PDB file of all heavy atoms in Angstrom:
ATOM      1  N   ARG A   1      -7.269  -2.395   7.369  1.00  0.00           N
ATOM      2  CA  ARG A   1      -8.262  -2.912   6.474  1.00  0.00           C
ATOM      3  C   ARG A   1      -7.723  -4.076   5.666  1.00  0.00           C
ATOM      4  O   ARG A   1      -8.378  -5.042   5.277  1.00  0.00           O
ATOM      5  CB  ARG A   1      -8.734  -1.823   5.490  1.00  0.00           C
ATOM      6  CG  ARG A   1      -9.953  -2.276   4.648  1.00  0.00           C
ATOM      7  CD  ARG A   1     -10.443  -1.163   3.863  1.00  0.00           C
ATOM      8  NE  ARG A   1      -9.346  -0.929   2.834  1.00  0.00           N
ATOM      9  CZ  ARG A   1      -9.598  -0.157   1.754  1.00  0.00           C
ATOM     10  NH1 ARG A   1     -10.751   0.242   1.467  1.00  0.00           N
ATOM     11  NH2 ARG A   1      -8.614  -0.044   0.931  1.00  0.00           N
ATOM     12  N   GLU A   2      -6.477  -4.186   5.354  1.00  0.00           N
ATOM     13  CA  GLU A   2      -5.862  -5.070   4.423  1.00  0.00           C
ATOM     14  C   GLU A   2      -4.969  -6.015   5.248  1.00  0.00           C
ATOM     15  O   GLU A   2      -3.814  -5.693   5.599  1.00  0.00           O
ATOM     16  CB  GLU A   2      -5.057  -4.428   3.354  1.00  0.00           C
ATOM     17  CG  GLU A   2      -4.494  -5.237   2.279  1.00  0.00           C
ATOM     18  CD  GLU A   2      -5.610  -5.989   1.526  1.00  0.00           C
ATOM     19  OE1 GLU A   2      -6.573  -5.337   1.073  1.00  0.00           O
ATOM     20  OE2 GLU A   2      -5.500  -7.143   1.438  1.00  0.00           O
ATOM     21  N   PRO A   3      -5.313  -7.246   5.335  1.00  0.00           N
ATOM     22  CA  PRO A   3      -4.537  -8.232   6.076  1.00  0.00           C
ATOM     23  C   PRO A   3      -3.300  -8.654   5.309  1.00  0.00           C
ATOM     24  O   PRO A   3      -2.329  -9.195   5.925  1.00  0.00           O
ATOM     25  CB  PRO A   3      -5.360  -9.471   6.364  1.00  0.00           C
ATOM     26  CG  PRO A   3      -6.519  -9.272   5.365  1.00  0.00           C
ATOM     27  CD  PRO A   3      -6.647  -7.802   4.978  1.00  0.00           C
ATOM     28  N   ARG A   4      -3.299  -8.468   4.035  1.00  0.00           N
ATOM     29  CA  ARG A   4      -2.103  -8.795   3.163  1.00  0.00           C
ATOM     30  C   ARG A   4      -0.870  -8.026   3.659  1.00  0.00           C
ATOM     31  O   ARG A   4       0.210  -8.425   3.372  1.00  0.00           O
ATOM     32  CB  ARG A   4      -2.316  -8.540   1.683  1.00  0.00           C
ATOM     33  CG  ARG A   4      -3.369  -9.484   1.050  1.00  0.00           C
ATOM     34  CD  ARG A   4      -3.411  -9.241  -0.437  1.00  0.00           C
ATOM     35  NE  ARG A   4      -3.615  -7.785  -0.789  1.00  0.00           N
ATOM     36  CZ  ARG A   4      -3.133  -7.180  -1.809  1.00  0.00           C
ATOM     37  NH1 ARG A   4      -2.444  -7.879  -2.686  1.00  0.00           N
ATOM     38  NH2 ARG A   4      -3.405  -5.961  -2.062  1.00  0.00           N
ATOM     39  N   LEU A   5      -1.027  -6.843   4.246  1.00  0.00           N
ATOM     40  CA  LEU A   5       0.156  -6.024   4.597  1.00  0.00           C
ATOM     41  C   LEU A   5       1.039  -6.722   5.652  1.00  0.00           C
ATOM     42  O   LEU A   5       2.118  -6.326   5.821  1.00  0.00           O
ATOM     43  CB  LEU A   5      -0.301  -4.623   4.977  1.00  0.00           C
ATOM     44  CG  LEU A   5      -0.851  -3.838   3.986  1.00  0.00           C
ATOM     45  CD1 LEU A   5      -1.321  -2.500   4.468  1.00  0.00           C
ATOM     46  CD2 LEU A   5       0.163  -3.610   2.898  1.00  0.00           C
ATOM     47  N   SER A   6       0.489  -7.696   6.356  1.00  0.00           N
ATOM     48  CA  SER A   6       1.336  -8.419   7.270  1.00  0.00           C
ATOM     49  C   SER A   6       2.271  -9.383   6.626  1.00  0.00           C
ATOM     50  O   SER A   6       3.228  -9.863   7.168  1.00  0.00           O
ATOM     51  CB  SER A   6       0.463  -9.184   8.330  1.00  0.00           C
ATOM     52  OG  SER A   6      -0.332 -10.108   7.516  1.00  0.00           O
ATOM     53  N   ASP A   7       1.956  -9.652   5.330  1.00  0.00           N
ATOM     54  CA  ASP A   7       2.927 -10.552   4.543  1.00  0.00           C
ATOM     55  C   ASP A   7       3.826  -9.629   3.710  1.00  0.00           C
ATOM     56  O   ASP A   7       3.388  -8.981   2.831  1.00  0.00           O
ATOM     57  CB  ASP A   7       2.121 -11.338   3.540  1.00  0.00           C
ATOM     58  CG  ASP A   7       2.933 -12.264   2.763  1.00  0.00           C
ATOM     59  OD1 ASP A   7       4.127 -12.427   3.055  1.00  0.00           O
ATOM     60  OD2 ASP A   7       2.348 -12.880   1.854  1.00  0.00           O
ATOM     61  N   PRO A   8       5.150  -9.632   4.016  1.00  0.00           N
ATOM     62  CA  PRO A   8       6.060  -8.772   3.339  1.00  0.00           C
ATOM     63  C   PRO A   8       6.180  -9.118   1.822  1.00  0.00           C
ATOM     64  O   PRO A   8       6.432  -8.179   1.051  1.00  0.00           O
ATOM     65  CB  PRO A   8       7.517  -8.998   3.972  1.00  0.00           C
ATOM     66  CG  PRO A   8       7.172  -9.646   5.265  1.00  0.00           C
ATOM     67  CD  PRO A   8       5.763 -10.375   5.126  1.00  0.00           C
ATOM     68  N   ALA A   9       5.881 -10.244   1.441  1.00  0.00           N
ATOM     69  CA  ALA A   9       5.980 -10.605  -0.010  1.00  0.00           C
ATOM     70  C   ALA A   9       4.875 -10.063  -0.776  1.00  0.00           C
ATOM     71  O   ALA A   9       4.880  -9.892  -2.050  1.00  0.00           O
ATOM     72  CB  ALA A   9       6.008 -12.117  -0.122  1.00  0.00           C
ATOM     73  N   ALA A  10       3.673  -9.729  -0.090  1.00  0.00           N
ATOM     74  CA  ALA A  10       2.548  -9.260  -0.824  1.00  0.00           C
ATOM     75  C   ALA A  10       2.573  -7.885  -1.233  1.00  0.00           C
ATOM     76  O   ALA A  10       2.057  -7.501  -2.246  1.00  0.00           O
ATOM     77  CB  ALA A  10       1.294  -9.479   0.154  1.00  0.00           C
ATOM     78  N   GLY A  11       3.359  -7.023  -0.540  1.00  0.00           N
ATOM     79  CA  GLY A  11       3.609  -5.654  -1.092  1.00  0.00           C
ATOM     80  C   GLY A  11       2.480  -4.654  -0.499  1.00  0.00           C
ATOM     81  O   GLY A  11       1.711  -5.062   0.368  1.00  0.00           O
ATOM     82  N   LEU A  12       2.294  -3.557  -1.101  1.00  0.00           N
ATOM     83  CA  LEU A  12       1.375  -2.533  -0.707  1.00  0.00           C
ATOM     84  C   LEU A  12       0.111  -2.674  -1.535  1.00  0.00           C
ATOM     85  O   LEU A  12       0.072  -3.101  -2.628  1.00  0.00           O
ATOM     86  CB  LEU A  12       1.974  -1.127  -1.031  1.00  0.00           C
ATOM     87  CG  LEU A  12       3.282  -0.797  -0.234  1.00  0.00           C
ATOM     88  CD1 LEU A  12       3.802   0.499  -0.666  1.00  0.00           C
ATOM     89  CD2 LEU A  12       3.156  -0.888   1.232  1.00  0.00           C
ATOM     90  N   THR A  13      -0.996  -2.149  -0.987  1.00  0.00           N
ATOM     91  CA  THR A  13      -2.311  -2.294  -1.537  1.00  0.00           C
ATOM     92  C   THR A  13      -2.397  -1.126  -2.556  1.00  0.00           C
ATOM     93  O   THR A  13      -1.599  -0.067  -2.486  1.00  0.00           O
ATOM     94  CB  THR A  13      -3.446  -2.073  -0.477  1.00  0.00           C
ATOM     95  OG1 THR A  13      -3.341  -0.737   0.034  1.00  0.00           O
ATOM     96  CG2 THR A  13      -3.362  -3.142   0.502  1.00  0.00           C
ATOM     97  N   ASP A  14      -3.334  -1.210  -3.375  1.00  0.00           N
ATOM     98  CA  ASP A  14      -3.520  -0.073  -4.393  1.00  0.00           C
ATOM     99  C   ASP A  14      -3.874   1.202  -3.767  1.00  0.00           C
ATOM    100  O   ASP A  14      -3.364   2.256  -4.168  1.00  0.00           O
ATOM    101  CB  ASP A  14      -4.729  -0.470  -5.401  1.00  0.00           C
ATOM    102  CG  ASP A  14      -4.348  -1.711  -6.267  1.00  0.00           C
ATOM    103  OD1 ASP A  14      -3.090  -1.922  -6.457  1.00  0.00           O
ATOM    104  OD2 ASP A  14      -5.273  -2.345  -6.772  1.00  0.00           O
ATOM    105  N   GLY A  15      -4.757   1.162  -2.746  1.00  0.00           N
ATOM    106  CA  GLY A  15      -5.126   2.408  -2.063  1.00  0.00           C
ATOM    107  C   GLY A  15      -3.869   3.075  -1.418  1.00  0.00           C
ATOM    108  O   GLY A  15      -3.702   4.295  -1.374  1.00  0.00           O
ATOM    109  N   LEU A  16      -3.063   2.199  -0.831  1.00  0.00           N
ATOM    110  CA  LEU A  16      -1.768   2.725  -0.159  1.00  0.00           C
ATOM    111  C   LEU A  16      -0.858   3.280  -1.199  1.00  0.00           C
ATOM    112  O   LEU A  16      -0.261   4.346  -0.926  1.00  0.00           O
ATOM    113  CB  LEU A  16      -1.080   1.616   0.640  1.00  0.00           C
ATOM    114  CG  LEU A  16      -0.054   2.056   1.603  1.00  0.00           C
ATOM    115  CD1 LEU A  16      -0.534   3.083   2.646  1.00  0.00           C
ATOM    116  CD2 LEU A  16       0.431   0.806   2.456  1.00  0.00           C
ATOM    117  N   TYR A  17      -0.680   2.622  -2.378  1.00  0.00           N
ATOM    118  CA  TYR A  17       0.115   3.074  -3.468  1.00  0.00           C
ATOM    119  C   TYR A  17      -0.434   4.529  -3.898  1.00  0.00           C
ATOM    120  O   TYR A  17       0.414   5.424  -4.036  1.00  0.00           O
ATOM    121  CB  TYR A  17       0.100   2.165  -4.575  1.00  0.00           C
ATOM    122  CG  TYR A  17       1.292   1.192  -4.618  1.00  0.00           C
ATOM    123  CD1 TYR A  17       1.069  -0.110  -4.695  1.00  0.00           C
ATOM    124  CD2 TYR A  17       2.559   1.652  -4.614  1.00  0.00           C
ATOM    125  CE1 TYR A  17       2.132  -1.023  -4.824  1.00  0.00           C
ATOM    126  CE2 TYR A  17       3.691   0.848  -4.584  1.00  0.00           C
ATOM    127  CZ  TYR A  17       3.422  -0.575  -4.717  1.00  0.00           C
ATOM    128  OH  TYR A  17       4.422  -1.413  -4.725  1.00  0.00           O
ATOM    129  N   ARG A  18      -1.720   4.605  -4.071  1.00  0.00           N
ATOM    130  CA  ARG A  18      -2.366   5.895  -4.578  1.00  0.00           C
ATOM    131  C   ARG A  18      -1.994   6.955  -3.522  1.00  0.00           C
ATOM    132  O   ARG A  18      -1.631   8.096  -3.885  1.00  0.00           O
ATOM    133  CB  ARG A  18      -3.783   5.778  -4.800  1.00  0.00           C
ATOM    134  CG  ARG A  18      -4.133   5.113  -6.071  1.00  0.00           C
ATOM    135  CD  ARG A  18      -5.698   5.302  -6.317  1.00  0.00           C
ATOM    136  NE  ARG A  18      -6.559   4.727  -5.293  1.00  0.00           N
ATOM    137  CZ  ARG A  18      -6.934   3.513  -5.138  1.00  0.00           C
ATOM    138  NH1 ARG A  18      -6.443   2.560  -6.135  1.00  0.00           N
ATOM    139  NH2 ARG A  18      -7.664   3.090  -4.188  1.00  0.00           N
ATOM    140  N   GLU A  19      -2.097   6.726  -2.254  1.00  0.00           N
ATOM    141  CA  GLU A  19      -1.903   7.715  -1.193  1.00  0.00           C
ATOM    142  C   GLU A  19      -0.404   8.105  -1.174  1.00  0.00           C
ATOM    143  O   GLU A  19      -0.054   9.287  -1.049  1.00  0.00           O
ATOM    144  CB  GLU A  19      -2.339   7.178   0.133  1.00  0.00           C
ATOM    145  CG  GLU A  19      -2.381   8.258   1.252  1.00  0.00           C
ATOM    146  CD  GLU A  19      -3.405   9.365   0.831  1.00  0.00           C
ATOM    147  OE1 GLU A  19      -4.350   9.178   0.205  1.00  0.00           O
ATOM    148  OE2 GLU A  19      -3.027  10.462   1.399  1.00  0.00           O
ATOM    149  N   VAL A  20       0.459   7.154  -1.299  1.00  0.00           N
ATOM    150  CA  VAL A  20       1.863   7.504  -1.158  1.00  0.00           C
ATOM    151  C   VAL A  20       2.268   8.322  -2.479  1.00  0.00           C
ATOM    152  O   VAL A  20       2.921   9.296  -2.324  1.00  0.00           O
ATOM    153  CB  VAL A  20       2.739   6.183  -1.133  1.00  0.00           C
ATOM    154  CG1 VAL A  20       4.213   6.490  -1.350  1.00  0.00           C
ATOM    155  CG2 VAL A  20       2.542   5.576   0.209  1.00  0.00           C
ATOM    156  N   ASN A  21       1.794   7.935  -3.565  1.00  0.00           N
ATOM    157  CA  ASN A  21       2.012   8.695  -4.798  1.00  0.00           C
ATOM    158  C   ASN A  21       1.467  10.086  -4.764  1.00  0.00           C
ATOM    159  O   ASN A  21       2.047  11.068  -5.161  1.00  0.00           O
ATOM    160  CB  ASN A  21       1.407   7.938  -6.024  1.00  0.00           C
ATOM    161  CG  ASN A  21       2.250   6.708  -6.424  1.00  0.00           C
ATOM    162  OD1 ASN A  21       3.398   6.636  -5.943  1.00  0.00           O
ATOM    163  ND2 ASN A  21       1.643   5.834  -7.138  1.00  0.00           N
ATOM    164  N   ARG A  22       0.251  10.258  -4.198  1.00  0.00           N
ATOM    165  CA  ARG A  22      -0.380  11.580  -4.080  1.00  0.00           C
ATOM    166  C   ARG A  22       0.557  12.422  -3.083  1.00  0.00           C
ATOM    167  O   ARG A  22       0.773  13.594  -3.432  1.00  0.00           O
ATOM    168  CB  ARG A  22      -1.833  11.462  -3.555  1.00  0.00           C
ATOM    169  CG  ARG A  22      -2.563  12.769  -3.505  1.00  0.00           C
ATOM    170  CD  ARG A  22      -3.746  12.790  -2.743  1.00  0.00           C
ATOM    171  NE  ARG A  22      -3.579  12.459  -1.293  1.00  0.00           N
ATOM    172  CZ  ARG A  22      -3.032  13.342  -0.425  1.00  0.00           C
ATOM    173  NH1 ARG A  22      -2.757  14.483  -0.878  1.00  0.00           N
ATOM    174  NH2 ARG A  22      -2.833  13.036   0.794  1.00  0.00           N
ATOM    175  N   ALA A  23       0.939  11.797  -2.044  1.00  0.00           N
ATOM    176  CA  ALA A  23       1.747  12.573  -1.007  1.00  0.00           C
ATOM    177  C   ALA A  23       3.123  13.015  -1.668  1.00  0.00           C
ATOM    178  O   ALA A  23       3.538  14.035  -1.405  1.00  0.00           O
ATOM    179  CB  ALA A  23       1.966  11.702   0.213  1.00  0.00           C
ATOM    180  N   ARG A  24       3.660  12.112  -2.424  1.00  0.00           N
ATOM    181  CA  ARG A  24       4.990  12.428  -3.013  1.00  0.00           C
ATOM    182  C   ARG A  24       4.751  13.534  -4.062  1.00  0.00           C
ATOM    183  O   ARG A  24       5.675  14.400  -4.157  1.00  0.00           O
ATOM    184  CB  ARG A  24       5.588  11.209  -3.699  1.00  0.00           C
ATOM    185  CG  ARG A  24       5.996  10.177  -2.614  1.00  0.00           C
ATOM    186  CD  ARG A  24       6.493   8.972  -3.269  1.00  0.00           C
ATOM    187  NE  ARG A  24       7.963   9.198  -3.797  1.00  0.00           N
ATOM    188  CZ  ARG A  24       8.616   8.387  -4.652  1.00  0.00           C
ATOM    189  NH1 ARG A  24       7.879   7.225  -5.032  1.00  0.00           N
ATOM    190  NH2 ARG A  24       9.787   8.649  -4.980  1.00  0.00           N
ATOM    191  N   GLY A  25       3.696  13.509  -4.788  1.00  0.00           N
ATOM    192  CA  GLY A  25       3.420  14.598  -5.806  1.00  0.00           C
ATOM    193  C   GLY A  25       3.162  15.934  -5.107  1.00  0.00           C
ATOM    194  O   GLY A  25       3.529  16.992  -5.571  1.00  0.00           O
TER     195      GLY A  25
END
């Protein structure tokens, strides 16, 4: 869904951050 992820400088999307944080928790 997010084309910015192909750019390493752009970083992760908010949705991906939320999912990673939820999984780590």
